[in-house]
N, C-alpha and C. Protein backbone atom coordinates (compact mmCIF):
# COMPACT_ATOMS: atom_id res chain seq x y z
N MET A 1 -27.22 36.81 30.09
CA MET A 1 -27.90 36.36 31.28
C MET A 1 -28.66 35.06 31.01
N TYR A 2 -29.21 34.94 29.82
CA TYR A 2 -29.95 33.74 29.45
C TYR A 2 -29.08 32.50 29.60
N LEU A 3 -27.82 32.59 29.15
CA LEU A 3 -26.91 31.44 29.22
C LEU A 3 -26.63 31.03 30.67
N LEU A 4 -26.48 32.01 31.55
CA LEU A 4 -26.23 31.70 32.96
C LEU A 4 -27.43 31.04 33.61
N VAL A 5 -28.60 31.54 33.31
CA VAL A 5 -29.82 31.01 33.92
C VAL A 5 -30.05 29.56 33.51
N HIS A 6 -29.71 29.21 32.27
CA HIS A 6 -29.99 27.86 31.78
C HIS A 6 -28.83 26.88 31.97
N SER A 7 -27.73 27.34 32.51
CA SER A 7 -26.60 26.45 32.77
C SER A 7 -26.86 25.64 34.04
N LYS A 8 -26.78 24.33 33.93
CA LYS A 8 -27.03 23.45 35.09
C LYS A 8 -25.73 23.01 35.76
N LYS A 9 -24.76 22.59 34.95
CA LYS A 9 -23.49 22.11 35.49
C LYS A 9 -22.44 23.20 35.39
N LYS A 10 -21.58 23.24 36.39
CA LYS A 10 -20.50 24.23 36.37
C LYS A 10 -19.33 23.73 37.19
N ILE A 11 -18.19 24.29 36.88
CA ILE A 11 -16.97 24.07 37.66
C ILE A 11 -16.60 25.42 38.24
N ARG A 12 -16.39 25.45 39.56
CA ARG A 12 -15.99 26.70 40.21
C ARG A 12 -14.65 26.47 40.88
N THR A 13 -13.73 27.39 40.68
CA THR A 13 -12.45 27.32 41.37
C THR A 13 -12.18 28.64 42.07
N ILE A 14 -11.62 28.53 43.26
CA ILE A 14 -11.32 29.70 44.08
C ILE A 14 -9.83 29.74 44.34
N ASN A 15 -9.22 30.86 43.98
CA ASN A 15 -7.81 31.12 44.26
C ASN A 15 -7.76 31.97 45.53
N MET A 16 -7.40 31.33 46.64
CA MET A 16 -7.43 32.02 47.93
C MET A 16 -6.38 33.11 48.04
N ARG A 17 -5.24 32.91 47.41
CA ARG A 17 -4.15 33.88 47.51
C ARG A 17 -4.54 35.20 46.85
N ASN A 18 -5.20 35.11 45.70
CA ASN A 18 -5.56 36.32 44.95
C ASN A 18 -7.02 36.71 45.10
N HIS A 19 -7.78 35.90 45.84
CA HIS A 19 -9.20 36.17 46.08
C HIS A 19 -9.98 36.31 44.78
N ASN A 20 -9.67 35.43 43.83
CA ASN A 20 -10.36 35.42 42.54
C ASN A 20 -11.18 34.14 42.41
N VAL A 21 -12.25 34.23 41.66
CA VAL A 21 -13.11 33.07 41.42
C VAL A 21 -13.27 32.91 39.91
N LEU A 22 -13.27 31.67 39.47
CA LEU A 22 -13.51 31.35 38.08
C LEU A 22 -14.63 30.33 38.05
N ILE A 23 -15.67 30.61 37.27
CA ILE A 23 -16.78 29.67 37.13
C ILE A 23 -16.92 29.32 35.65
N ILE A 24 -16.91 28.03 35.37
CA ILE A 24 -17.05 27.54 34.00
C ILE A 24 -18.43 26.91 33.89
N HIS A 25 -19.32 27.58 33.18
CA HIS A 25 -20.72 27.16 33.04
C HIS A 25 -20.86 26.31 31.78
N LEU A 26 -21.39 25.11 31.90
CA LEU A 26 -21.66 24.28 30.73
C LEU A 26 -22.92 24.81 30.05
N LEU A 27 -22.80 25.07 28.75
CA LEU A 27 -23.95 25.57 28.00
C LEU A 27 -24.85 24.40 27.59
N THR A 28 -26.06 24.72 27.19
CA THR A 28 -27.06 23.68 26.91
C THR A 28 -26.67 22.78 25.75
N ASN A 29 -25.78 23.23 24.85
CA ASN A 29 -25.36 22.36 23.75
C ASN A 29 -24.35 21.30 24.20
N LYS A 30 -23.86 21.40 25.44
CA LYS A 30 -22.92 20.47 26.07
C LYS A 30 -21.60 20.35 25.32
N LYS A 31 -21.30 21.32 24.47
CA LYS A 31 -20.03 21.36 23.74
C LYS A 31 -19.22 22.59 24.09
N ASP A 32 -19.89 23.60 24.61
CA ASP A 32 -19.24 24.87 24.90
C ASP A 32 -19.51 25.29 26.34
N THR A 33 -18.63 26.17 26.81
CA THR A 33 -18.80 26.71 28.16
C THR A 33 -18.74 28.23 28.11
N LEU A 34 -19.36 28.83 29.11
CA LEU A 34 -19.24 30.26 29.34
C LEU A 34 -18.34 30.41 30.56
N VAL A 35 -17.21 31.06 30.38
CA VAL A 35 -16.23 31.23 31.44
C VAL A 35 -16.47 32.58 32.10
N GLN A 36 -16.72 32.55 33.39
CA GLN A 36 -16.97 33.77 34.17
C GLN A 36 -15.81 33.95 35.14
N SER A 37 -15.07 35.02 34.97
CA SER A 37 -13.94 35.34 35.85
C SER A 37 -14.37 36.48 36.77
N ILE A 38 -14.25 36.25 38.07
CA ILE A 38 -14.71 37.24 39.05
C ILE A 38 -13.51 37.72 39.86
N ASP A 39 -13.27 39.01 39.79
CA ASP A 39 -12.18 39.64 40.54
C ASP A 39 -12.79 40.83 41.27
N GLY A 40 -13.10 40.63 42.55
CA GLY A 40 -13.80 41.67 43.30
C GLY A 40 -15.20 41.83 42.75
N SER A 41 -15.53 43.03 42.32
CA SER A 41 -16.86 43.27 41.76
C SER A 41 -16.85 43.22 40.23
N ASN A 42 -15.70 42.94 39.64
CA ASN A 42 -15.58 42.87 38.19
C ASN A 42 -15.82 41.45 37.69
N HIS A 43 -16.68 41.32 36.69
CA HIS A 43 -16.98 40.04 36.07
C HIS A 43 -16.59 40.13 34.60
N HIS A 44 -15.83 39.14 34.14
CA HIS A 44 -15.44 39.07 32.74
C HIS A 44 -15.93 37.74 32.19
N PHE A 45 -16.38 37.74 30.94
CA PHE A 45 -16.94 36.54 30.33
C PHE A 45 -16.23 36.23 29.03
N SER A 46 -16.10 34.93 28.76
CA SER A 46 -15.57 34.46 27.48
C SER A 46 -16.15 33.07 27.23
N PHE A 47 -15.95 32.57 26.03
CA PHE A 47 -16.44 31.24 25.67
C PHE A 47 -15.25 30.31 25.46
N LEU A 48 -15.45 29.04 25.79
CA LEU A 48 -14.42 28.02 25.61
C LEU A 48 -15.10 26.69 25.37
N GLY A 49 -14.60 25.94 24.39
CA GLY A 49 -15.14 24.61 24.14
C GLY A 49 -14.82 23.68 25.30
N VAL A 50 -15.68 22.70 25.53
CA VAL A 50 -15.48 21.76 26.63
C VAL A 50 -14.13 21.06 26.52
N LYS A 51 -13.68 20.79 25.30
CA LYS A 51 -12.43 20.05 25.10
C LYS A 51 -11.30 20.95 24.62
N ASP A 52 -11.39 22.25 24.90
CA ASP A 52 -10.41 23.21 24.38
C ASP A 52 -9.51 23.83 25.44
N GLY A 53 -9.05 23.06 26.39
CA GLY A 53 -8.05 23.58 27.32
C GLY A 53 -8.56 24.04 28.66
N ILE A 54 -9.58 23.40 29.19
CA ILE A 54 -10.09 23.79 30.51
C ILE A 54 -9.02 23.57 31.58
N GLY A 55 -8.23 22.50 31.45
CA GLY A 55 -7.16 22.25 32.43
C GLY A 55 -6.16 23.39 32.46
N GLN A 56 -5.78 23.88 31.29
CA GLN A 56 -4.85 25.01 31.21
C GLN A 56 -5.47 26.25 31.83
N LEU A 57 -6.73 26.49 31.56
CA LEU A 57 -7.42 27.65 32.13
C LEU A 57 -7.43 27.57 33.66
N LEU A 58 -7.73 26.40 34.21
CA LEU A 58 -7.74 26.23 35.66
C LEU A 58 -6.34 26.39 36.25
N ARG A 59 -5.33 25.85 35.55
CA ARG A 59 -3.94 25.99 36.02
C ARG A 59 -3.52 27.46 36.03
N GLU A 60 -3.86 28.18 34.97
CA GLU A 60 -3.51 29.60 34.91
C GLU A 60 -4.23 30.39 36.00
N HIS A 61 -5.47 30.02 36.29
CA HIS A 61 -6.20 30.69 37.37
C HIS A 61 -5.51 30.46 38.71
N ALA A 62 -4.91 29.28 38.88
CA ALA A 62 -4.18 28.97 40.11
C ALA A 62 -2.79 29.62 40.12
N ARG A 63 -2.43 30.28 39.02
CA ARG A 63 -1.15 30.96 38.88
C ARG A 63 0.03 29.98 38.98
N MET A 64 -0.13 28.83 38.33
CA MET A 64 0.91 27.81 38.34
C MET A 64 1.48 27.65 36.93
N GLU A 65 2.79 27.43 36.86
CA GLU A 65 3.46 27.19 35.58
C GLU A 65 3.16 25.77 35.11
N ASP A 66 3.23 25.54 33.81
CA ASP A 66 2.99 24.22 33.23
C ASP A 66 4.28 23.40 33.32
N THR A 67 4.54 22.87 34.51
CA THR A 67 5.78 22.13 34.75
C THR A 67 5.46 20.72 35.25
N GLU A 68 6.44 19.87 35.12
CA GLU A 68 6.28 18.47 35.53
C GLU A 68 7.56 18.05 36.25
N ILE A 69 7.63 18.31 37.54
CA ILE A 69 8.79 17.86 38.31
C ILE A 69 8.55 16.43 38.77
N SER A 70 9.62 15.74 39.08
CA SER A 70 9.49 14.37 39.57
C SER A 70 9.22 14.37 41.07
N VAL A 71 8.18 13.67 41.47
CA VAL A 71 7.90 13.50 42.90
C VAL A 71 8.06 12.02 43.27
N ASP A 72 8.77 11.27 42.41
CA ASP A 72 9.02 9.86 42.70
C ASP A 72 9.73 9.73 44.04
N GLY A 73 9.25 8.84 44.85
CA GLY A 73 9.86 8.61 46.16
C GLY A 73 9.35 9.53 47.25
N TRP A 74 8.60 10.56 46.89
CA TRP A 74 8.04 11.45 47.89
C TRP A 74 6.91 10.73 48.60
N GLN A 75 6.82 10.94 49.87
CA GLN A 75 5.78 10.30 50.66
C GLN A 75 4.64 11.27 50.92
N PRO A 76 3.42 10.79 50.88
CA PRO A 76 2.30 11.64 51.28
C PRO A 76 2.39 11.93 52.78
N ILE A 77 1.77 12.99 53.19
CA ILE A 77 1.70 13.34 54.60
C ILE A 77 0.32 12.96 55.10
N GLN A 78 0.26 12.12 56.13
CA GLN A 78 -1.02 11.78 56.75
C GLN A 78 -1.11 12.52 58.07
N LEU A 79 -2.22 13.20 58.28
CA LEU A 79 -2.43 13.99 59.49
C LEU A 79 -3.76 13.63 60.13
N PRO A 80 -3.77 13.51 61.47
CA PRO A 80 -5.07 13.37 62.14
C PRO A 80 -5.91 14.62 61.87
N GLU A 81 -7.20 14.45 61.83
CA GLU A 81 -8.11 15.55 61.53
C GLU A 81 -7.88 16.75 62.44
N GLU A 82 -7.68 16.50 63.73
CA GLU A 82 -7.50 17.61 64.69
C GLU A 82 -6.25 18.43 64.37
N LEU A 83 -5.14 17.73 64.05
CA LEU A 83 -3.91 18.44 63.72
C LEU A 83 -4.08 19.23 62.43
N PHE A 84 -4.72 18.63 61.45
CA PHE A 84 -4.96 19.33 60.20
C PHE A 84 -5.76 20.60 60.44
N ASP A 85 -6.79 20.51 61.27
CA ASP A 85 -7.62 21.68 61.58
C ASP A 85 -6.81 22.78 62.26
N GLU A 86 -5.83 22.39 63.08
CA GLU A 86 -5.00 23.37 63.78
C GLU A 86 -4.16 24.20 62.82
N PHE A 87 -3.79 23.64 61.69
CA PHE A 87 -3.01 24.41 60.72
C PHE A 87 -3.79 25.63 60.23
N HIS A 88 -5.10 25.54 60.19
CA HIS A 88 -5.93 26.67 59.73
C HIS A 88 -6.12 27.72 60.80
N THR A 89 -6.00 27.33 62.07
CA THR A 89 -6.33 28.25 63.16
C THR A 89 -5.12 28.69 63.97
N SER A 90 -3.97 28.07 63.76
CA SER A 90 -2.78 28.45 64.53
C SER A 90 -2.31 29.84 64.13
N PRO A 91 -1.74 30.58 65.08
CA PRO A 91 -1.21 31.90 64.74
C PRO A 91 -0.08 31.76 63.71
N ALA A 92 -0.02 32.70 62.80
CA ALA A 92 0.99 32.67 61.74
C ALA A 92 2.41 32.56 62.29
N PRO A 93 2.78 33.27 63.38
CA PRO A 93 4.16 33.13 63.89
C PRO A 93 4.51 31.70 64.30
N ALA A 94 3.55 30.95 64.83
CA ALA A 94 3.81 29.56 65.21
C ALA A 94 4.09 28.72 63.96
N LEU A 95 3.33 28.96 62.91
CA LEU A 95 3.55 28.22 61.67
C LEU A 95 4.86 28.66 60.99
N GLN A 96 5.18 29.94 61.08
CA GLN A 96 6.45 30.42 60.52
C GLN A 96 7.63 29.75 61.20
N ALA A 97 7.54 29.58 62.52
CA ALA A 97 8.60 28.90 63.27
C ALA A 97 8.72 27.45 62.82
N MET A 98 7.59 26.80 62.59
CA MET A 98 7.60 25.41 62.13
C MET A 98 8.22 25.31 60.74
N ALA A 99 7.88 26.24 59.87
CA ALA A 99 8.41 26.22 58.50
C ALA A 99 9.92 26.45 58.48
N ALA A 100 10.43 27.19 59.45
CA ALA A 100 11.86 27.50 59.51
C ALA A 100 12.66 26.46 60.29
N ASP A 101 12.00 25.59 61.02
CA ASP A 101 12.65 24.60 61.89
C ASP A 101 13.25 23.47 61.06
N GLN A 102 14.57 23.45 60.94
CA GLN A 102 15.25 22.43 60.14
C GLN A 102 15.10 21.02 60.72
N LYS A 103 14.61 20.91 61.95
CA LYS A 103 14.37 19.60 62.55
C LYS A 103 13.09 18.96 61.99
N GLN A 104 12.24 19.79 61.42
CA GLN A 104 11.01 19.28 60.79
C GLN A 104 11.37 18.67 59.44
N PRO A 105 10.69 17.61 59.04
CA PRO A 105 10.94 17.04 57.71
C PRO A 105 10.65 18.08 56.62
N LYS A 106 11.43 18.02 55.54
CA LYS A 106 11.28 18.99 54.45
C LYS A 106 9.85 19.07 53.92
N PRO A 107 9.15 17.94 53.72
CA PRO A 107 7.76 18.06 53.22
C PRO A 107 6.86 18.87 54.16
N ILE A 108 7.03 18.70 55.46
CA ILE A 108 6.21 19.47 56.41
C ILE A 108 6.56 20.95 56.31
N ARG A 109 7.85 21.27 56.23
CA ARG A 109 8.26 22.68 56.12
C ARG A 109 7.68 23.31 54.85
N GLU A 110 7.75 22.57 53.73
CA GLU A 110 7.23 23.11 52.47
C GLU A 110 5.71 23.25 52.51
N PHE A 111 5.04 22.27 53.11
CA PHE A 111 3.59 22.35 53.23
C PHE A 111 3.19 23.58 54.05
N VAL A 112 3.83 23.76 55.21
CA VAL A 112 3.48 24.88 56.09
C VAL A 112 3.80 26.21 55.41
N SER A 113 4.92 26.30 54.72
CA SER A 113 5.26 27.54 54.00
C SER A 113 4.21 27.87 52.94
N ALA A 114 3.80 26.85 52.19
CA ALA A 114 2.78 27.06 51.16
C ALA A 114 1.45 27.45 51.78
N LEU A 115 1.11 26.83 52.90
CA LEU A 115 -0.15 27.15 53.58
C LEU A 115 -0.15 28.60 54.05
N LEU A 116 0.97 29.05 54.61
CA LEU A 116 1.08 30.45 55.04
C LEU A 116 0.95 31.40 53.85
N ALA A 117 1.62 31.08 52.75
CA ALA A 117 1.56 31.93 51.56
C ALA A 117 0.15 32.01 50.99
N ASN A 118 -0.67 30.99 51.29
CA ASN A 118 -2.04 30.93 50.77
C ASN A 118 -3.06 31.39 51.82
N GLY A 119 -2.60 32.10 52.85
CA GLY A 119 -3.52 32.61 53.86
C GLY A 119 -4.11 31.53 54.75
N GLN A 120 -3.38 30.41 54.91
CA GLN A 120 -3.81 29.28 55.73
C GLN A 120 -5.11 28.66 55.22
N GLU A 121 -5.31 28.73 53.91
CA GLU A 121 -6.49 28.16 53.26
C GLU A 121 -6.06 27.37 52.03
N PHE A 122 -6.89 26.42 51.63
CA PHE A 122 -6.67 25.65 50.41
C PHE A 122 -7.48 26.25 49.28
N ASP A 123 -6.93 26.23 48.08
CA ASP A 123 -7.71 26.53 46.89
C ASP A 123 -8.63 25.34 46.65
N ASN A 124 -9.64 25.52 45.85
CA ASN A 124 -10.50 24.38 45.56
C ASN A 124 -11.10 24.48 44.16
N ILE A 125 -11.43 23.31 43.66
CA ILE A 125 -12.13 23.18 42.39
C ILE A 125 -13.37 22.36 42.69
N SER A 126 -14.55 22.96 42.45
CA SER A 126 -15.82 22.32 42.79
C SER A 126 -16.60 21.97 41.53
N PHE A 127 -17.13 20.77 41.52
CA PHE A 127 -18.02 20.31 40.45
C PHE A 127 -19.43 20.46 41.00
N MET A 128 -20.25 21.29 40.34
CA MET A 128 -21.55 21.67 40.90
C MET A 128 -22.68 21.54 39.89
N LYS A 129 -23.86 21.35 40.45
CA LYS A 129 -25.09 21.48 39.68
C LYS A 129 -25.90 22.56 40.38
N SER A 130 -26.51 23.43 39.58
CA SER A 130 -27.29 24.50 40.20
C SER A 130 -28.46 24.90 39.33
N SER A 131 -29.38 25.56 39.98
CA SER A 131 -30.55 26.10 39.31
C SER A 131 -30.70 27.55 39.74
N TYR A 132 -30.51 28.48 38.80
CA TYR A 132 -30.69 29.90 39.12
C TYR A 132 -32.15 30.19 39.45
N VAL A 133 -33.05 29.49 38.78
CA VAL A 133 -34.48 29.72 38.99
C VAL A 133 -34.87 29.35 40.42
N LYS A 134 -34.39 28.20 40.90
CA LYS A 134 -34.72 27.74 42.26
C LYS A 134 -33.74 28.26 43.31
N ASP A 135 -32.67 28.93 42.86
CA ASP A 135 -31.63 29.44 43.76
C ASP A 135 -31.06 28.31 44.62
N GLN A 136 -30.70 27.20 43.96
CA GLN A 136 -30.16 26.04 44.65
C GLN A 136 -28.88 25.58 43.96
N SER A 137 -27.93 25.11 44.78
CA SER A 137 -26.70 24.53 44.26
C SER A 137 -26.39 23.27 45.04
N ALA A 138 -25.80 22.30 44.36
CA ALA A 138 -25.36 21.07 45.01
C ALA A 138 -23.95 20.75 44.50
N PHE A 139 -23.09 20.35 45.41
CA PHE A 139 -21.72 19.99 45.06
C PHE A 139 -21.64 18.50 44.80
N ASP A 140 -21.18 18.12 43.62
CA ASP A 140 -20.97 16.71 43.30
C ASP A 140 -19.59 16.24 43.75
N ASP A 141 -18.61 17.13 43.69
CA ASP A 141 -17.24 16.78 44.08
C ASP A 141 -16.47 18.07 44.33
N ILE A 142 -15.55 18.02 45.28
CA ILE A 142 -14.69 19.17 45.56
C ILE A 142 -13.26 18.67 45.70
N HIS A 143 -12.35 19.32 44.98
CA HIS A 143 -10.93 19.01 45.06
C HIS A 143 -10.24 20.18 45.76
N PHE A 144 -9.63 19.90 46.91
CA PHE A 144 -8.87 20.91 47.63
C PHE A 144 -7.39 20.72 47.31
N PHE A 145 -6.71 21.83 47.05
CA PHE A 145 -5.29 21.74 46.74
C PHE A 145 -4.57 22.99 47.22
N LEU A 146 -3.26 22.83 47.39
CA LEU A 146 -2.42 23.92 47.87
C LEU A 146 -1.25 24.06 46.91
N PRO A 147 -1.17 25.17 46.18
CA PRO A 147 -0.05 25.35 45.26
C PRO A 147 1.25 25.62 46.01
N VAL A 148 2.33 25.01 45.53
CA VAL A 148 3.67 25.28 46.05
C VAL A 148 4.43 25.90 44.89
N GLU A 149 4.30 27.20 44.75
CA GLU A 149 4.78 27.89 43.55
C GLU A 149 6.28 27.77 43.34
N GLU A 150 7.06 27.88 44.41
CA GLU A 150 8.52 27.86 44.27
C GLU A 150 9.02 26.49 43.81
N GLU A 151 8.27 25.46 44.12
CA GLU A 151 8.72 24.10 43.82
C GLU A 151 7.94 23.45 42.68
N ASP A 152 6.94 24.13 42.16
CA ASP A 152 6.17 23.65 41.00
C ASP A 152 5.46 22.32 41.21
N TYR A 153 4.85 22.19 42.36
CA TYR A 153 3.98 21.04 42.59
C TYR A 153 2.81 21.49 43.45
N ILE A 154 1.91 20.56 43.69
CA ILE A 154 0.67 20.85 44.42
C ILE A 154 0.52 19.82 45.53
N TRP A 155 0.04 20.27 46.68
CA TRP A 155 -0.41 19.34 47.72
C TRP A 155 -1.91 19.14 47.48
N HIS A 156 -2.28 17.92 47.12
CA HIS A 156 -3.69 17.58 46.94
C HIS A 156 -4.21 17.01 48.25
N LEU A 157 -5.32 17.54 48.72
CA LEU A 157 -5.92 17.08 49.98
C LEU A 157 -6.88 15.93 49.69
N ASP A 158 -6.54 14.75 50.17
CA ASP A 158 -7.40 13.58 50.05
C ASP A 158 -8.10 13.41 51.40
N TYR A 159 -9.40 13.63 51.41
CA TYR A 159 -10.15 13.56 52.66
C TYR A 159 -11.10 12.36 52.68
N GLN A 160 -10.79 11.32 51.90
CA GLN A 160 -11.65 10.14 51.83
C GLN A 160 -11.71 9.38 53.16
N GLU A 161 -10.67 9.50 53.98
CA GLU A 161 -10.64 8.77 55.26
C GLU A 161 -11.08 9.64 56.43
N ILE A 162 -11.65 10.79 56.16
CA ILE A 162 -12.04 11.71 57.24
C ILE A 162 -13.10 11.09 58.14
N GLU A 163 -14.03 10.37 57.57
CA GLU A 163 -15.10 9.75 58.37
C GLU A 163 -14.62 8.47 59.05
N SER A 164 -13.96 7.60 58.30
CA SER A 164 -13.60 6.28 58.84
C SER A 164 -12.39 6.31 59.76
N ALA A 165 -11.37 7.09 59.43
CA ALA A 165 -10.13 7.07 60.21
C ALA A 165 -9.81 8.42 60.86
N ARG A 166 -10.66 9.43 60.62
CA ARG A 166 -10.45 10.77 61.19
C ARG A 166 -9.08 11.33 60.82
N ARG A 167 -8.70 11.13 59.55
CA ARG A 167 -7.42 11.68 59.09
C ARG A 167 -7.54 12.12 57.64
N VAL A 168 -6.58 12.95 57.25
CA VAL A 168 -6.48 13.41 55.87
C VAL A 168 -5.09 13.05 55.35
N THR A 169 -4.99 12.98 54.04
CA THR A 169 -3.70 12.70 53.41
C THR A 169 -3.41 13.83 52.43
N LEU A 170 -2.20 14.35 52.51
CA LEU A 170 -1.73 15.37 51.59
C LEU A 170 -0.77 14.70 50.61
N GLN A 171 -1.14 14.72 49.35
CA GLN A 171 -0.39 14.01 48.31
C GLN A 171 0.33 15.03 47.43
N PRO A 172 1.67 14.96 47.31
CA PRO A 172 2.37 15.86 46.38
C PRO A 172 2.18 15.38 44.94
N ILE A 173 1.77 16.30 44.07
CA ILE A 173 1.50 15.95 42.68
C ILE A 173 2.09 17.05 41.79
N PRO A 174 2.81 16.68 40.71
CA PRO A 174 3.32 17.69 39.79
C PRO A 174 2.17 18.50 39.17
N VAL A 175 2.43 19.75 38.88
CA VAL A 175 1.41 20.66 38.37
C VAL A 175 0.75 20.13 37.10
N ARG A 176 1.55 19.77 36.11
CA ARG A 176 0.97 19.33 34.83
C ARG A 176 0.09 18.10 35.03
N SER A 177 0.58 17.11 35.77
CA SER A 177 -0.22 15.89 36.01
C SER A 177 -1.53 16.21 36.70
N TYR A 178 -1.46 17.10 37.69
CA TYR A 178 -2.66 17.44 38.46
C TYR A 178 -3.74 18.04 37.56
N PHE A 179 -3.36 19.04 36.78
CA PHE A 179 -4.35 19.73 35.97
C PHE A 179 -4.78 18.91 34.74
N GLN A 180 -3.93 18.00 34.27
CA GLN A 180 -4.38 17.08 33.22
C GLN A 180 -5.47 16.16 33.76
N GLU A 181 -5.30 15.69 34.99
CA GLU A 181 -6.32 14.83 35.60
C GLU A 181 -7.61 15.62 35.86
N ILE A 182 -7.47 16.85 36.33
CA ILE A 182 -8.66 17.70 36.56
C ILE A 182 -9.38 17.94 35.23
N GLU A 183 -8.62 18.15 34.15
CA GLU A 183 -9.25 18.35 32.85
C GLU A 183 -10.01 17.10 32.41
N ARG A 184 -9.41 15.92 32.59
CA ARG A 184 -10.11 14.67 32.24
C ARG A 184 -11.41 14.54 33.04
N ALA A 185 -11.33 14.85 34.34
CA ALA A 185 -12.52 14.76 35.19
C ALA A 185 -13.58 15.77 34.76
N THR A 186 -13.14 16.96 34.36
CA THR A 186 -14.07 18.01 33.92
C THR A 186 -14.78 17.60 32.63
N ILE A 187 -14.03 17.09 31.67
CA ILE A 187 -14.64 16.66 30.41
C ILE A 187 -15.64 15.54 30.67
N ALA A 188 -15.27 14.59 31.52
CA ALA A 188 -16.19 13.49 31.85
C ALA A 188 -17.45 14.03 32.52
N TYR A 189 -17.28 14.97 33.44
CA TYR A 189 -18.42 15.54 34.16
C TYR A 189 -19.34 16.30 33.21
N PHE A 190 -18.76 17.09 32.32
CA PHE A 190 -19.56 17.89 31.41
C PHE A 190 -20.21 17.07 30.29
N THR A 191 -19.65 15.92 29.95
CA THR A 191 -20.21 15.14 28.84
C THR A 191 -21.08 13.98 29.30
N GLU A 192 -21.11 13.69 30.61
CA GLU A 192 -21.98 12.61 31.08
C GLU A 192 -23.44 13.06 31.03
N GLU A 193 -24.31 12.11 30.93
CA GLU A 193 -25.75 12.44 30.88
C GLU A 193 -26.32 12.56 32.26
């Protein structure tokens, strides 16, 4: 309990399909982490060095294989904010029809199929600072992504233009590349002052 109370920085990831949460708490020595795996009411703990495979741990939590398919030539999908929001609230049968409609572009069909398989929600990886004593948390960064298990890639949600252009971009990224970048960002976050 002492380690949890004194941990300030953490990475939290939520697997929407399996309803599991993984929290990686940076320990005060800034070299090690306490990994907290939450499955329902069960909590499991282990230790992992900051530079000892956090990307692999996050990938395994997302239930993705360590693969690197080519997405060269694939185009990102840009959606107006309103249309993107409708994907979360539309009835599943309407989305199933869209996923099966061969008139729809293949990327849209694959995105909709993956969204349905994930309960019409995105998984996320959050970079957070918190204080157990003050019962406060602040998010420094959040990465939303949608695993496409059958095809071994991820739709990364880029929401940087949500304010200025009222749109989001869904970028297809190979699994290995995605989690290698997340690992680099995690190490930088945990080792910065």
